[in-house]
Protein backbone atom coordinates (compact mmCIF):
# COMPACT_ATOMS: atom_id res chain seq x y z
CA MET A 1 -12.45 15.09 12.09
CA ASN A 2 -10.57 15.68 8.97
CA ASP A 3 -7.75 13.10 8.21
CA GLN A 4 -6.25 12.05 4.92
CA MET A 5 -3.98 9.04 4.41
CA SER A 6 -2.16 7.64 1.50
CA PHE A 7 -0.44 4.27 0.73
CA GLU A 8 1.30 3.28 -2.16
CA LEU A 9 1.33 -0.35 -3.04
CA ALA A 10 2.84 -2.84 -5.12
CA GLY A 11 0.72 -4.35 -7.88
CA GLY A 12 0.47 -8.16 -8.47
CA PRO A 13 -0.83 -10.88 -6.52
CA TYR A 14 -0.44 -9.57 -3.14
CA ALA A 15 -1.92 -5.79 -3.62
CA VAL A 16 -5.22 -6.82 -2.37
CA THR A 17 -4.20 -7.81 0.86
CA ALA A 18 -1.78 -5.12 0.91
CA SER A 19 -4.70 -2.64 0.80
CA ARG A 20 -6.85 -4.48 3.21
CA LEU A 21 -3.75 -4.03 5.71
CA ALA A 22 -3.53 -0.26 4.89
CA LEU A 23 -6.80 0.03 6.14
CA ALA A 24 -6.64 -1.58 9.55
CA GLY A 25 -5.32 1.98 10.79
CA LEU A 26 -8.95 3.27 10.43
CA GLU A 27 -10.54 0.93 13.01
CA ASP A 28 -10.71 3.43 15.49
CA ARG A 29 -11.92 6.28 13.10
CA LEU A 30 -15.03 4.93 11.25
CA ASP A 31 -17.88 3.25 12.30
CA PRO A 32 -17.59 -0.73 11.67
CA ASN A 33 -20.20 -1.16 9.17
CA VAL A 34 -18.71 2.08 7.19
CA LEU A 35 -15.36 0.42 7.29
CA PHE A 36 -16.58 -3.22 6.21
CA ASP A 37 -17.76 -1.41 3.00
CA ILE A 38 -14.51 0.47 2.32
CA ARG A 39 -13.02 -2.89 2.61
CA LEU A 40 -14.98 -4.52 0.31
CA LEU A 41 -14.70 -1.49 -2.34
CA VAL A 42 -11.01 -1.05 -2.25
CA SER A 43 -10.44 -4.93 -2.71
CA GLU A 44 -12.56 -4.52 -5.88
CA LEU A 45 -11.17 -1.58 -7.17
CA VAL A 46 -7.23 -3.06 -6.65
CA THR A 47 -8.47 -6.30 -8.08
CA ASN A 48 -9.42 -3.99 -10.97
CA CYS A 49 -6.13 -2.37 -11.28
CA VAL A 50 -4.18 -5.69 -11.05
CA LYS A 51 -6.38 -7.43 -13.66
CA HIS A 52 -7.59 -4.92 -16.09
CA ALA A 53 -4.90 -2.43 -15.94
CA ARG A 54 -2.15 -5.23 -15.40
CA VAL A 55 -0.61 -3.44 -12.66
CA GLY A 56 2.53 -5.93 -11.75
CA PRO A 57 4.48 -6.04 -8.71
CA GLU A 58 6.80 -3.65 -10.21
CA GLU A 59 4.41 -0.90 -10.58
CA SER A 60 2.43 0.92 -8.34
CA ILE A 61 -1.32 1.50 -7.14
CA VAL A 62 -1.81 4.58 -4.72
CA LEU A 63 -4.70 4.25 -2.16
CA THR A 64 -5.80 7.49 -0.45
CA VAL A 65 -8.19 7.70 2.24
CA ASP A 66 -9.81 11.10 3.15
CA ILE A 67 -11.99 11.82 5.90
CA GLN A 68 -13.85 14.76 6.57
CA ASP A 69 -16.23 15.19 9.43
CA HIS A 70 -19.28 12.61 8.03
CA THR A 71 -17.93 11.81 4.77
CA VAL A 72 -15.04 9.14 3.57
CA ARG A 73 -13.74 9.84 0.06
CA VAL A 74 -11.49 6.91 -1.16
CA SER A 75 -9.40 7.04 -4.37
CA VAL A 76 -7.50 4.13 -5.83
CA VAL A 77 -5.09 5.12 -8.63
CA ASP A 78 -2.91 3.22 -11.18
CA GLU A 79 -1.05 4.16 -14.35
CA GLY A 80 -3.23 2.50 -16.56
CA PRO A 81 -5.41 3.91 -19.44
CA GLY A 82 -8.60 4.24 -17.52
CA PHE A 83 -12.00 3.73 -18.93
CA GLU A 84 -15.16 5.49 -19.14
CA PRO A 85 -17.73 4.67 -16.57
CA PRO A 86 -20.76 2.76 -17.97
CA GLU A 87 -23.77 4.59 -19.68
CA THR A 88 -25.85 1.73 -18.87
CA PRO A 89 -26.66 0.87 -15.45
CA VAL A 90 -23.63 -1.31 -13.74
CA SER A 91 -25.96 -3.78 -12.90
CA GLU A 92 -27.03 -4.64 -16.68
CA GLN A 93 -23.69 -4.42 -17.87
CA ALA A 94 -22.38 -7.10 -15.09
CA ALA A 95 -25.16 -9.22 -15.71
CA GLU A 96 -24.60 -9.23 -19.30
CA ALA A 97 -20.82 -9.75 -18.85
CA GLY A 98 -21.37 -12.65 -16.09
CA SER A 99 -18.49 -10.74 -14.18
CA GLY A 100 -17.65 -7.18 -13.42
CA TRP A 101 -19.51 -7.07 -10.23
CA GLY A 102 -17.00 -4.72 -8.72
CA LEU A 103 -18.20 -1.81 -10.18
CA PHE A 104 -21.59 -3.13 -9.46
CA LEU A 105 -20.59 -3.17 -5.68
CA VAL A 106 -19.42 0.15 -5.68
CA ASP A 107 -22.19 1.79 -7.53
CA GLN A 108 -24.71 0.13 -5.11
CA LEU A 109 -22.61 0.48 -1.55
CA SER A 110 -21.28 4.10 -2.18
CA ASP A 111 -23.11 7.37 -1.83
CA ALA A 112 -21.11 8.81 -5.05
CA TRP A 113 -18.39 7.49 -7.26
CA GLY A 114 -16.32 8.32 -10.47
CA VAL A 115 -13.42 7.68 -12.74
CA GLU A 116 -10.93 10.58 -13.16
CA ARG A 117 -8.25 10.13 -16.40
CA GLN A 118 -5.44 12.35 -15.52
CA ASN A 119 -1.80 11.08 -15.33
CA GLY A 120 -3.62 7.36 -15.29
CA ALA A 121 -6.64 6.26 -13.97
CA ASN A 122 -8.43 7.37 -10.46
CA VAL A 123 -11.38 5.53 -9.48
CA TRP A 124 -13.12 7.11 -6.51
CA PHE A 125 -16.21 6.84 -4.14
CA GLU A 126 -17.42 8.28 -1.16
CA LEU A 127 -19.23 7.05 1.89
CA GLN A 128 -21.32 8.45 4.83
CA GLY A 129 -19.14 7.94 7.79
CA ARG A 130 -21.83 8.07 10.21
CA ARG A 131 -24.02 5.70 8.37
CA ASP A 132 -24.44 3.42 11.59
CA ASP A 133 -25.22 6.72 13.72
CA ALA A 134 -28.11 7.75 11.63
CA SER A 135 -29.83 4.49 11.68
CA ALA A 136 -29.06 3.89 15.60
CA ASP A 137 -30.84 7.17 16.28
CA SER A 138 -33.83 6.07 14.40
CA ALA A 139 -34.17 2.99 15.85
CA ASP A 140 -33.69 4.75 19.22
CA ARG A 141 -36.77 7.03 18.56
CA GLU A 142 -39.04 4.12 17.52
CA VAL A 143 -38.29 1.82 20.54
CA ALA A 144 -39.11 5.21 23.21
């Protein structure tokens, strides 16, 4: 299954809600556990757009979801200056700052992630779309 969806969302206080609503169309395409992780990570990244890049209601955040066979790649793009991914582990940085757990969650839950700075900031992550199928197969083998 190859499928790509893209949404232009208004920034500001309702951006996170809009991003979650935009993902509703994925319920019949992805494992529920993977979709839960995607919703959480998109919420964190969109929050970062609003909080750190100061994307207001008159500006846009572009959310793209690309489903390829067993991998889902999600991009969240704003027109802000972007940032360099931390060289220290994200968990250490978040613990020292007392906040910033969004990138920690992206780092922990995604299979890969990164930041690209071209025409704004593009923070992307990838998840294996069949994560639950693999664990169900191994559980079936253990029971049998």
